[in-house]
Protein backbone atom coordinates (compact mmCIF):
# COMPACT_ATOMS: atom_id res chain seq x y z
CA MET A 1 -0.01 -0.19 -0.24
CA ILE A 2 1.19 3.44 -0.83
CA ASN A 3 0.52 6.51 1.13
CA ALA A 4 -1.29 9.19 -0.59
CA PRO A 5 0.00 12.91 0.01
CA ARG A 6 -1.48 14.60 3.34
CA HIS A 7 -2.68 17.61 1.43
CA ASP A 8 -4.10 17.92 -2.24
CA CYS A 9 -1.80 21.17 -2.57
CA GLU A 10 1.72 21.90 -2.27
CA TYR A 11 3.23 21.60 1.06
CA ALA A 12 6.50 21.68 2.69
CA ASP A 13 7.31 18.26 3.05
CA ARG A 14 5.46 16.96 0.05
CA GLU A 15 8.57 15.28 -1.43
CA VAL A 16 9.87 14.23 1.74
CA ASP A 17 6.36 12.51 1.94
CA CYS A 18 6.70 10.96 -2.02
CA GLN A 19 9.93 9.43 -1.18
CA GLU A 20 9.03 7.78 2.37
CA ALA A 21 5.60 6.37 0.52
CA THR A 22 7.64 5.21 -2.63
CA GLU A 23 10.70 3.32 -0.23
CA ARG A 24 9.16 0.41 0.59
CA GLY A 25 8.39 -0.60 -2.94
CA PHE A 26 11.62 0.60 -4.12
CA GLN A 27 13.25 -1.44 -1.80
CA ALA A 28 11.55 -4.82 -2.52
CA VAL A 29 12.15 -4.03 -6.28
CA VAL A 30 16.48 -3.87 -5.21
CA ASP A 31 15.62 -6.78 -3.15
CA CYS A 32 14.10 -9.00 -5.96
CA MET A 33 16.80 -7.74 -8.42
CA LEU A 34 19.36 -8.43 -6.03
CA ASP A 35 17.75 -11.90 -5.41
CA ALA A 36 18.15 -12.61 -9.22
CA GLY A 37 21.40 -11.91 -9.44
CA TRP A 38 21.76 -8.46 -10.67
CA ALA A 39 24.88 -6.30 -9.02
CA ARG A 40 23.67 -3.26 -7.12
CA SER A 41 25.65 -0.85 -9.54
CA GLU A 42 24.07 -2.65 -12.81
CA MET A 43 20.40 -1.99 -10.98
CA MET A 44 21.14 1.81 -9.97
CA ARG A 45 22.40 2.67 -13.78
CA ALA A 46 19.46 0.71 -15.42
CA LEU A 47 16.54 2.64 -12.98
CA ARG A 48 18.61 5.91 -13.92
CA ARG A 49 18.33 5.21 -17.23
CA LEU A 50 14.48 4.21 -16.89
CA ILE A 51 14.18 7.81 -14.73
CA ALA A 52 15.97 9.59 -17.80
CA ALA A 53 13.66 7.34 -20.45
CA ASP A 54 10.39 8.52 -18.69
CA ASN A 55 11.55 12.01 -18.53
CA MET A 56 12.21 12.09 -22.21
CA THR A 57 8.93 10.18 -22.98
CA GLN A 58 6.96 12.91 -20.69
CA LYS A 59 8.54 15.87 -22.69
CA GLU A 60 7.78 14.35 -25.85
CA SER A 61 4.38 13.51 -25.22
CA ALA A 62 3.78 17.04 -23.46
CA LYS A 63 5.36 18.63 -27.23
CA VAL A 64 2.76 16.74 -28.98
CA GLU A 65 -0.35 17.73 -26.97
CA ALA A 66 0.94 21.39 -27.35
CA ASP A 67 1.63 21.00 -31.18
CA LEU A 68 -2.05 19.18 -31.58
CA ALA A 69 -3.65 22.00 -29.36
CA ILE A 70 -2.04 24.66 -31.61
CA ALA A 71 -3.63 22.63 -34.80
CA ARG A 72 -6.61 22.35 -33.47
CA ALA A 73 -7.14 26.31 -32.60
CA MET A 74 -6.03 27.05 -35.99
CA MET A 75 -8.68 24.63 -37.29
CA ARG A 76 -11.23 26.57 -35.41
CA ALA A 77 -10.02 29.70 -36.25
CA GLY A 78 -10.14 28.55 -40.15
CA LYS A 79 -6.67 28.70 -40.56
CA ALA A 80 -4.95 26.08 -42.93
CA LEU A 81 -1.62 24.34 -41.45
């Protein structure tokens, strides 16, 4: 079970709360990977790459959404693309 944020809005310790909520699941992943035979250094590099790939995907998705919003607005305004 992952704890939800204490408040819906931003608050001083929100990142700390997120880290604490993530910690148990993260440790379970680490333990499973170590049990499977992966070295801690390999696992940490893989996790960093996964985070970087996720960040890139999020940025690309945001760019596509922005481009689509602009195209829709131009179409509503009757302008050709």
